[in-house]
Amino acid sequence: MRLRRLLTRVALAGPLALSPLLVPAPLRATTTCERDGAIVMGRYWLNNDIEAPAGSGWQCLWDNWRTRTAIGWGTSWSWSGRPDTVKAFASSVLGWRWGWKASTGGLPTRLSDDQDVKTAWRYQAPRSGSFAVAYDLWLHDVAKPGADSTPTDEVLVWTYRSGGAEPLGTKVGTVSVGGDGWDLYEGEKGWQIYTFVRTTNTSSVKLDLGDFLDYLRSNLGLSPAKYLSGVAAGAEVFTGSGQLNTTSYFTSIARR
């Protein structure tokens, strides 16, 4: 009952935090706490990706509202166990994330097509726990990957981190992308992983995610023949309890 009341308050609060230019149509909140549970929200879909390889706990997510281009949603969690392992990544997804569950939203797109990947995200992050608020970009060498298609690369963009959360791999330098400073890490877990960690936390971002792909193409040899197949945005949780409220979010793919 306490969780139900909490979700109701979040659902009512979401539209009030929007720009006056957006007039959301209210939704009746749908909630899932199931592993790999999904909620379709127009061209996006919410994904409750629970990994928990060395820990115990739970994670839930829910929808709040949507317009034709933007959404509001939330996730809450409580995890314990090894602090160096990711337990779950609840996110909103455009395109592919180990399968397709909504309209593609302009994905996949070949990197050589030089598309803009414009995004804006406003959220309220918890004040405790070990987690990262992150974008998760998936790359493949085929135009339309299936649910079991192994990616060639994964590009993470951490806009907020807490509690000593550390990305996979080794730090290779501090770089400037989109006018902000980012610590860049490089690692591997069956595919290549690049993680850009913002040098200062923020609760509101406006980015062209294509700039991060351009940086990797120009400086680390990322092939322009690869395809961007999916863009996710959510909470990568290591340990602790908390709640991430997305007051407004959109991502769009368009030719430059």
C-alpha atoms as a PDB file:
ATOM      1  CA  MET A   1       0.000   0.000   0.000  1.00  0.00           C
ATOM      2  CA  ARG A   2       2.826   2.435   0.815  1.00  0.00           C
ATOM      3  CA  LEU A   3       4.377   1.853  -2.634  1.00  0.00           C
ATOM      4  CA  ARG A   4       1.021   2.388  -4.338  1.00  0.00           C
ATOM      5  CA  ARG A   5       0.581   5.767  -2.567  1.00  0.00           C
ATOM      6  CA  LEU A   6       4.136   6.764  -3.494  1.00  0.00           C
ATOM      7  CA  LEU A   7       3.616   5.951  -7.160  1.00  0.00           C
ATOM      8  CA  THR A   8       0.387   7.926  -7.206  1.00  0.00           C
ATOM      9  CA  ARG A   9       2.148  11.031  -5.839  1.00  0.00           C
ATOM     10  CA  VAL A  10       4.886  10.733  -8.454  1.00  0.00           C
ATOM     11  CA  ALA A  11       2.372  10.269 -11.265  1.00  0.00           C
ATOM     12  CA  LEU A  12       0.558  13.433 -10.253  1.00  0.00           C
ATOM     13  CA  ALA A  13       3.755  15.456  -9.877  1.00  0.00           C
ATOM     14  CA  GLY A  14       5.318  14.594 -13.240  1.00  0.00           C
ATOM     15  CA  PRO A  15       3.424  16.919 -15.634  1.00  0.00           C
ATOM     16  CA  LEU A  16       3.802  19.928 -13.305  1.00  0.00           C
ATOM     17  CA  ALA A  17       7.581  19.884 -13.786  1.00  0.00           C
ATOM     18  CA  LEU A  18       7.366  20.290 -17.555  1.00  0.00           C
ATOM     19  CA  SER A  19       8.047  23.202 -19.822  1.00  0.00           C
ATOM     20  CA  PRO A  20       4.858  25.086 -20.739  1.00  0.00           C
ATOM     21  CA  LEU A  21       5.524  24.014 -24.333  1.00  0.00           C
ATOM     22  CA  LEU A  22       4.645  20.427 -23.444  1.00  0.00           C
ATOM     23  CA  VAL A  23       1.067  19.536 -22.582  1.00  0.00           C
ATOM     24  CA  PRO A  24       1.148  15.880 -21.559  1.00  0.00           C
ATOM     25  CA  ALA A  25      -1.799  13.555 -21.733  1.00  0.00           C
ATOM     26  CA  PRO A  26      -2.074  11.953 -18.269  1.00  0.00           C
ATOM     27  CA  LEU A  27      -1.743   8.193 -18.046  1.00  0.00           C
ATOM     28  CA  ARG A  28      -2.925   5.761 -15.455  1.00  0.00           C
ATOM     29  CA  ALA A  29       0.323   4.532 -13.909  1.00  0.00           C
ATOM     30  CA  THR A  30       1.374   1.028 -14.912  1.00  0.00           C
ATOM     31  CA  THR A  31       3.966  -0.612 -12.687  1.00  0.00           C
ATOM     32  CA  THR A  32       6.215  -3.631 -13.147  1.00  0.00           C
ATOM     33  CA  CYS A  33       8.671  -5.161 -10.698  1.00  0.00           C
ATOM     34  CA  GLU A  34       9.360  -8.230 -12.825  1.00  0.00           C
ATOM     35  CA  ARG A  35      12.769  -9.038 -14.222  1.00  0.00           C
ATOM     36  CA  ASP A  36      12.849  -7.782 -17.841  1.00  0.00           C
ATOM     37  CA  GLY A  37       9.376  -6.314 -17.358  1.00  0.00           C
ATOM     38  CA  ALA A  38       8.416  -3.827 -20.087  1.00  0.00           C
ATOM     39  CA  ILE A  39       5.933  -0.946 -20.419  1.00  0.00           C
ATOM     40  CA  VAL A  40       5.393   0.535 -23.890  1.00  0.00           C
ATOM     41  CA  MET A  41       5.054   4.341 -23.972  1.00  0.00           C
ATOM     42  CA  GLY A  42       4.479   5.331 -27.594  1.00  0.00           C
ATOM     43  CA  ARG A  43       7.803   5.109 -29.430  1.00  0.00           C
ATOM     44  CA  TYR A  44       9.665   4.448 -26.154  1.00  0.00           C
ATOM     45  CA  TRP A  45       9.479   1.470 -23.839  1.00  0.00           C
ATOM     46  CA  LEU A  46      10.461   1.090 -20.197  1.00  0.00           C
ATOM     47  CA  ASN A  47      12.706  -1.862 -19.384  1.00  0.00           C
ATOM     48  CA  ASN A  48      13.239  -3.353 -15.913  1.00  0.00           C
ATOM     49  CA  ASP A  49      16.641  -4.939 -16.601  1.00  0.00           C
ATOM     50  CA  ILE A  50      17.570  -6.794 -13.397  1.00  0.00           C
ATOM     51  CA  GLU A  51      21.005  -8.433 -13.416  1.00  0.00           C
ATOM     52  CA  ALA A  52      21.864  -8.951  -9.698  1.00  0.00           C
ATOM     53  CA  PRO A  53      24.802 -11.337 -10.279  1.00  0.00           C
ATOM     54  CA  ALA A  54      26.034 -10.939  -6.710  1.00  0.00           C
ATOM     55  CA  GLY A  55      23.371  -9.444  -4.508  1.00  0.00           C
ATOM     56  CA  SER A  56      19.746  -9.428  -3.459  1.00  0.00           C
ATOM     57  CA  GLY A  57      16.913  -6.932  -3.597  1.00  0.00           C
ATOM     58  CA  TRP A  58      14.249  -5.557  -5.898  1.00  0.00           C
ATOM     59  CA  GLN A  59      13.594  -2.850  -8.498  1.00  0.00           C
ATOM     60  CA  CYS A  60      10.321  -1.505  -9.923  1.00  0.00           C
ATOM     61  CA  LEU A  61       9.423   1.042 -12.600  1.00  0.00           C
ATOM     62  CA  TRP A  62       6.275   2.851 -13.726  1.00  0.00           C
ATOM     63  CA  ASP A  63       4.975   5.251 -16.348  1.00  0.00           C
ATOM     64  CA  ASN A  64       3.617   8.710 -15.517  1.00  0.00           C
ATOM     65  CA  TRP A  65       2.695  10.568 -18.713  1.00  0.00           C
ATOM     66  CA  ARG A  66       3.575  10.918 -22.379  1.00  0.00           C
ATOM     67  CA  THR A  67       3.222  13.229 -25.353  1.00  0.00           C
ATOM     68  CA  ARG A  68       4.076  12.361 -28.951  1.00  0.00           C
ATOM     69  CA  THR A  69       7.790  12.998 -28.347  1.00  0.00           C
ATOM     70  CA  ALA A  70       8.420  13.042 -24.577  1.00  0.00           C
ATOM     71  CA  ILE A  71       7.710  10.944 -21.502  1.00  0.00           C
ATOM     72  CA  GLY A  72       7.812  11.019 -17.700  1.00  0.00           C
ATOM     73  CA  TRP A  73       8.447   7.911 -15.604  1.00  0.00           C
ATOM     74  CA  GLY A  74      10.067   6.636 -12.413  1.00  0.00           C
ATOM     75  CA  THR A  75      11.925   3.756 -10.812  1.00  0.00           C
ATOM     76  CA  SER A  76      12.658   2.721  -7.221  1.00  0.00           C
ATOM     77  CA  TRP A  77      14.982   0.043  -5.839  1.00  0.00           C
ATOM     78  CA  SER A  78      16.701  -1.564  -2.888  1.00  0.00           C
ATOM     79  CA  TRP A  79      19.830  -3.681  -3.453  1.00  0.00           C
ATOM     80  CA  SER A  80      22.564  -5.198  -1.305  1.00  0.00           C
ATOM     81  CA  GLY A  81      25.640  -7.266  -2.102  1.00  0.00           C
ATOM     82  CA  ARG A  82      29.023  -6.664  -3.689  1.00  0.00           C
ATOM     83  CA  PRO A  83      29.374  -2.894  -4.238  1.00  0.00           C
ATOM     84  CA  ASP A  84      31.444  -3.364  -7.418  1.00  0.00           C
ATOM     85  CA  THR A  85      28.698  -5.109  -9.401  1.00  0.00           C
ATOM     86  CA  VAL A  86      25.695  -3.566 -11.169  1.00  0.00           C
ATOM     87  CA  LYS A  87      22.460  -5.070  -9.879  1.00  0.00           C
ATOM     88  CA  ALA A  88      19.964  -3.491 -12.278  1.00  0.00           C
ATOM     89  CA  PHE A  89      19.419  -0.857 -14.964  1.00  0.00           C
ATOM     90  CA  ALA A  90      15.837   0.367 -15.189  1.00  0.00           C
ATOM     91  CA  SER A  91      15.538   2.640 -18.217  1.00  0.00           C
ATOM     92  CA  SER A  92      13.472   4.187 -20.959  1.00  0.00           C
ATOM     93  CA  VAL A  93      14.487   2.750 -24.336  1.00  0.00           C
ATOM     94  CA  LEU A  94      14.351   4.086 -27.864  1.00  0.00           C
ATOM     95  CA  GLY A  95      14.992   1.284 -30.348  1.00  0.00           C
ATOM     96  CA  TRP A  96      16.873  -1.901 -29.423  1.00  0.00           C
ATOM     97  CA  ARG A  97      17.752  -3.302 -26.026  1.00  0.00           C
ATOM     98  CA  TRP A  98      18.110  -7.037 -26.467  1.00  0.00           C
ATOM     99  CA  GLY A  99      15.090  -6.903 -28.737  1.00  0.00           C
ATOM    100  CA  TRP A 100      12.466  -4.463 -30.015  1.00  0.00           C
ATOM    101  CA  LYS A 101       9.231  -3.673 -28.177  1.00  0.00           C
ATOM    102  CA  ALA A 102       8.075  -0.359 -29.677  1.00  0.00           C
ATOM    103  CA  SER A 103       8.364   1.661 -32.878  1.00  0.00           C
ATOM    104  CA  THR A 104      11.993   2.180 -33.825  1.00  0.00           C
ATOM    105  CA  GLY A 105      12.005   5.995 -33.496  1.00  0.00           C
ATOM    106  CA  GLY A 106      14.492   6.393 -36.350  1.00  0.00           C
ATOM    107  CA  LEU A 107      16.808   3.577 -35.271  1.00  0.00           C
ATOM    108  CA  PRO A 108      18.968   1.866 -36.330  1.00  0.00           C
ATOM    109  CA  THR A 109      21.056   4.493 -38.106  1.00  0.00           C
ATOM    110  CA  ARG A 110      24.521   4.078 -39.578  1.00  0.00           C
ATOM    111  CA  LEU A 111      27.177   6.251 -37.958  1.00  0.00           C
ATOM    112  CA  SER A 112      28.380   7.378 -41.376  1.00  0.00           C
ATOM    113  CA  ASP A 113      24.948   8.965 -41.936  1.00  0.00           C
ATOM    114  CA  ASP A 114      25.966  11.603 -39.347  1.00  0.00           C
ATOM    115  CA  GLN A 115      22.581  11.843 -37.670  1.00  0.00           C
ATOM    116  CA  ASP A 116      21.912  14.105 -34.696  1.00  0.00           C
ATOM    117  CA  VAL A 117      20.873  12.204 -31.559  1.00  0.00           C
ATOM    118  CA  LYS A 118      19.341  15.109 -29.644  1.00  0.00           C
ATOM    119  CA  THR A 119      18.178  14.491 -26.109  1.00  0.00           C
ATOM    120  CA  ALA A 120      16.984  16.407 -23.046  1.00  0.00           C
ATOM    121  CA  TRP A 121      16.483  14.855 -19.630  1.00  0.00           C
ATOM    122  CA  ARG A 122      15.384  16.314 -16.287  1.00  0.00           C
ATOM    123  CA  TYR A 123      15.336  14.059 -13.258  1.00  0.00           C
ATOM    124  CA  GLN A 124      15.441  13.916  -9.468  1.00  0.00           C
ATOM    125  CA  ALA A 125      18.134  11.546  -8.179  1.00  0.00           C
ATOM    126  CA  PRO A 126      18.263  10.059  -4.672  1.00  0.00           C
ATOM    127  CA  ARG A 127      20.739  11.402  -2.127  1.00  0.00           C
ATOM    128  CA  SER A 128      22.213   8.083  -1.019  1.00  0.00           C
ATOM    129  CA  GLY A 129      23.283   4.727  -2.393  1.00  0.00           C
ATOM    130  CA  SER A 130      25.752   3.711  -5.075  1.00  0.00           C
ATOM    131  CA  PHE A 131      24.367   4.314  -8.557  1.00  0.00           C
ATOM    132  CA  ALA A 132      24.798   6.216 -11.826  1.00  0.00           C
ATOM    133  CA  VAL A 133      22.223   8.087 -13.882  1.00  0.00           C
ATOM    134  CA  ALA A 134      23.249   7.170 -17.399  1.00  0.00           C
ATOM    135  CA  TYR A 135      22.560   6.939 -21.101  1.00  0.00           C
ATOM    136  CA  ASP A 136      23.322   3.554 -22.664  1.00  0.00           C
ATOM    137  CA  LEU A 137      23.986   3.441 -26.426  1.00  0.00           C
ATOM    138  CA  TRP A 138      24.218   0.138 -28.318  1.00  0.00           C
ATOM    139  CA  LEU A 139      26.132  -0.406 -31.578  1.00  0.00           C
ATOM    140  CA  HIS A 140      25.974  -3.332 -34.003  1.00  0.00           C
ATOM    141  CA  ASP A 141      27.581  -4.257 -37.295  1.00  0.00           C
ATOM    142  CA  VAL A 142      24.219  -5.308 -38.763  1.00  0.00           C
ATOM    143  CA  ALA A 143      21.371  -3.013 -39.728  1.00  0.00           C
ATOM    144  CA  LYS A 144      18.586  -4.774 -37.807  1.00  0.00           C
ATOM    145  CA  PRO A 145      19.878  -6.813 -34.856  1.00  0.00           C
ATOM    146  CA  GLY A 146      17.721  -9.485 -33.274  1.00  0.00           C
ATOM    147  CA  ALA A 147      17.054 -10.163 -29.613  1.00  0.00           C
ATOM    148  CA  ASP A 148      20.146 -12.378 -29.369  1.00  0.00           C
ATOM    149  CA  SER A 149      22.462 -10.265 -31.526  1.00  0.00           C
ATOM    150  CA  THR A 150      25.653  -9.474 -29.612  1.00  0.00           C
ATOM    151  CA  PRO A 151      26.589  -5.788 -29.910  1.00  0.00           C
ATOM    152  CA  THR A 152      30.042  -4.718 -31.049  1.00  0.00           C
ATOM    153  CA  ASP A 153      30.186  -1.679 -28.756  1.00  0.00           C
ATOM    154  CA  GLU A 154      28.374  -0.060 -25.847  1.00  0.00           C
ATOM    155  CA  VAL A 155      28.733   3.657 -25.083  1.00  0.00           C
ATOM    156  CA  LEU A 156      27.654   4.861 -21.644  1.00  0.00           C
ATOM    157  CA  VAL A 157      27.252   8.525 -20.709  1.00  0.00           C
ATOM    158  CA  TRP A 158      27.058   9.015 -16.938  1.00  0.00           C
ATOM    159  CA  THR A 159      25.515  12.374 -16.087  1.00  0.00           C
ATOM    160  CA  TYR A 160      25.298  11.758 -12.318  1.00  0.00           C
ATOM    161  CA  ARG A 161      26.986   9.298  -9.987  1.00  0.00           C
ATOM    162  CA  SER A 162      26.882   8.651  -6.253  1.00  0.00           C
ATOM    163  CA  GLY A 163      28.307   6.430  -3.557  1.00  0.00           C
ATOM    164  CA  GLY A 164      31.618   5.632  -5.216  1.00  0.00           C
ATOM    165  CA  ALA A 165      30.092   4.011  -8.311  1.00  0.00           C
ATOM    166  CA  GLU A 166      32.843   3.196 -10.817  1.00  0.00           C
ATOM    167  CA  PRO A 167      32.505   2.283 -14.503  1.00  0.00           C
ATOM    168  CA  LEU A 168      33.955  -0.862 -16.006  1.00  0.00           C
ATOM    169  CA  GLY A 169      37.471  -0.579 -17.397  1.00  0.00           C
ATOM    170  CA  THR A 170      40.373   1.835 -17.132  1.00  0.00           C
ATOM    171  CA  LYS A 171      40.368   5.614 -17.244  1.00  0.00           C
ATOM    172  CA  VAL A 172      42.114   6.776 -20.415  1.00  0.00           C
ATOM    173  CA  GLY A 173      41.781  10.537 -19.964  1.00  0.00           C
ATOM    174  CA  THR A 174      39.550  13.554 -19.391  1.00  0.00           C
ATOM    175  CA  VAL A 175      37.948  14.969 -22.527  1.00  0.00           C
ATOM    176  CA  SER A 176      35.609  17.766 -23.583  1.00  0.00           C
ATOM    177  CA  VAL A 177      32.381  16.826 -25.373  1.00  0.00           C
ATOM    178  CA  GLY A 178      29.474  19.192 -25.930  1.00  0.00           C
ATOM    179  CA  GLY A 179      31.177  21.896 -23.871  1.00  0.00           C
ATOM    180  CA  ASP A 180      31.420  19.768 -20.695  1.00  0.00           C
ATOM    181  CA  GLY A 181      34.256  17.772 -19.123  1.00  0.00           C
ATOM    182  CA  TRP A 182      34.078  13.967 -19.045  1.00  0.00           C
ATOM    183  CA  ASP A 183      36.348  11.263 -17.643  1.00  0.00           C
ATOM    184  CA  LEU A 184      36.613   8.578 -20.331  1.00  0.00           C
ATOM    185  CA  TYR A 185      36.931   4.882 -19.432  1.00  0.00           C
ATOM    186  CA  GLU A 186      37.533   1.961 -21.768  1.00  0.00           C
ATOM    187  CA  GLY A 187      36.736  -1.688 -20.977  1.00  0.00           C
ATOM    188  CA  GLU A 188      35.401  -4.940 -22.405  1.00  0.00           C
ATOM    189  CA  LYS A 189      32.890  -7.668 -21.478  1.00  0.00           C
ATOM    190  CA  GLY A 190      32.322  -9.570 -24.695  1.00  0.00           C
ATOM    191  CA  TRP A 191      32.047  -6.269 -26.561  1.00  0.00           C
ATOM    192  CA  GLN A 192      33.875  -2.951 -26.303  1.00  0.00           C
ATOM    193  CA  ILE A 193      32.604  -0.538 -23.643  1.00  0.00           C
ATOM    194  CA  TYR A 194      33.273   3.197 -23.493  1.00  0.00           C
ATOM    195  CA  THR A 195      32.030   5.229 -20.521  1.00  0.00           C
ATOM    196  CA  PHE A 196      31.968   9.025 -20.370  1.00  0.00           C
ATOM    197  CA  VAL A 197      31.575  10.186 -16.748  1.00  0.00           C
ATOM    198  CA  ARG A 198      30.624  13.849 -16.281  1.00  0.00           C
ATOM    199  CA  THR A 199      33.184  15.542 -14.048  1.00  0.00           C
ATOM    200  CA  THR A 200      30.375  17.295 -12.125  1.00  0.00           C
ATOM    201  CA  ASN A 201      26.913  15.921 -11.372  1.00  0.00           C
ATOM    202  CA  THR A 202      23.840  17.447 -12.956  1.00  0.00           C
ATOM    203  CA  SER A 203      20.086  16.843 -12.761  1.00  0.00           C
ATOM    204  CA  SER A 204      19.294  18.389 -16.148  1.00  0.00           C
ATOM    205  CA  VAL A 205      21.025  17.703 -19.461  1.00  0.00           C
ATOM    206  CA  LYS A 206      20.598  18.763 -23.060  1.00  0.00           C
ATOM    207  CA  LEU A 207      22.967  16.853 -25.341  1.00  0.00           C
ATOM    208  CA  ASP A 208      23.619  15.571 -28.814  1.00  0.00           C
ATOM    209  CA  LEU A 209      24.670  12.005 -28.083  1.00  0.00           C
ATOM    210  CA  GLY A 210      26.087  11.897 -31.601  1.00  0.00           C
ATOM    211  CA  ASP A 211      28.921  14.097 -30.303  1.00  0.00           C
ATOM    212  CA  PHE A 212      30.156  11.227 -28.115  1.00  0.00           C
ATOM    213  CA  LEU A 213      30.093   8.847 -31.071  1.00  0.00           C
ATOM    214  CA  ASP A 214      31.941  11.428 -33.177  1.00  0.00           C
ATOM    215  CA  TYR A 215      34.612  11.707 -30.487  1.00  0.00           C
ATOM    216  CA  LEU A 216      35.138   7.947 -30.499  1.00  0.00           C
ATOM    217  CA  ARG A 217      35.282   7.884 -34.301  1.00  0.00           C
ATOM    218  CA  SER A 218      37.868  10.671 -34.424  1.00  0.00           C
ATOM    219  CA  ASN A 219      40.026   9.620 -31.473  1.00  0.00           C
ATOM    220  CA  LEU A 220      39.600   5.914 -30.744  1.00  0.00           C
ATOM    221  CA  GLY A 221      38.924   4.459 -34.175  1.00  0.00           C
ATOM    222  CA  LEU A 222      35.215   3.618 -33.855  1.00  0.00           C
ATOM    223  CA  SER A 223      34.112   2.469 -37.313  1.00  0.00           C
ATOM    224  CA  PRO A 224      31.576   4.711 -39.111  1.00  0.00           C
ATOM    225  CA  ALA A 225      30.180   1.566 -40.759  1.00  0.00           C
ATOM    226  CA  LYS A 226      28.547   0.488 -37.480  1.00  0.00           C
ATOM    227  CA  TYR A 227      24.903   1.091 -36.617  1.00  0.00           C
ATOM    228  CA  LEU A 228      23.459   2.840 -33.590  1.00  0.00           C
ATOM    229  CA  SER A 229      20.588   0.519 -32.709  1.00  0.00           C
ATOM    230  CA  GLY A 230      19.402   1.600 -29.280  1.00  0.00           C
ATOM    231  CA  VAL A 231      19.441   4.507 -26.836  1.00  0.00           C
ATOM    232  CA  ALA A 232      18.434   3.913 -23.207  1.00  0.00           C
ATOM    233  CA  ALA A 233      18.398   6.290 -20.243  1.00  0.00           C
ATOM    234  CA  GLY A 234      18.010   5.278 -16.626  1.00  0.00           C
ATOM    235  CA  ALA A 235      19.531   4.276 -13.290  1.00  0.00           C
ATOM    236  CA  GLU A 236      22.474   1.883 -13.148  1.00  0.00           C
ATOM    237  CA  VAL A 237      22.316   0.655  -9.539  1.00  0.00           C
ATOM    238  CA  PHE A 238      25.130  -0.948  -7.543  1.00  0.00           C
ATOM    239  CA  THR A 239      23.850  -0.947  -3.933  1.00  0.00           C
ATOM    240  CA  GLY A 240      21.464   0.907  -1.642  1.00  0.00           C
ATOM    241  CA  SER A 241      17.882   2.099  -1.776  1.00  0.00           C
ATOM    242  CA  GLY A 242      16.518   5.008  -3.759  1.00  0.00           C
ATOM    243  CA  GLN A 243      14.200   6.400  -6.398  1.00  0.00           C
ATOM    244  CA  LEU A 244      14.853   8.167  -9.700  1.00  0.00           C
ATOM    245  CA  ASN A 245      12.026  10.396 -10.939  1.00  0.00           C
ATOM    246  CA  THR A 246      12.212  11.471 -14.579  1.00  0.00           C
ATOM    247  CA  THR A 247      10.163  14.649 -14.833  1.00  0.00           C
ATOM    248  CA  SER A 248      10.714  14.939 -18.607  1.00  0.00           C
ATOM    249  CA  TYR A 249      12.720  13.063 -21.220  1.00  0.00           C
ATOM    250  CA  PHE A 250      13.029  12.854 -24.979  1.00  0.00           C
ATOM    251  CA  THR A 251      15.477  11.613 -27.596  1.00  0.00           C
ATOM    252  CA  SER A 252      15.107  12.185 -31.326  1.00  0.00           C
ATOM    253  CA  ILE A 253      17.096  11.078 -34.372  1.00  0.00           C
ATOM    254  CA  ALA A 254      17.410  13.561 -37.250  1.00  0.00           C
ATOM    255  CA  ARG A 255      19.752  14.313 -40.116  1.00  0.00           C
ATOM    256  CA  ARG A 256      22.202  17.146 -39.505  1.00  0.00           C
END
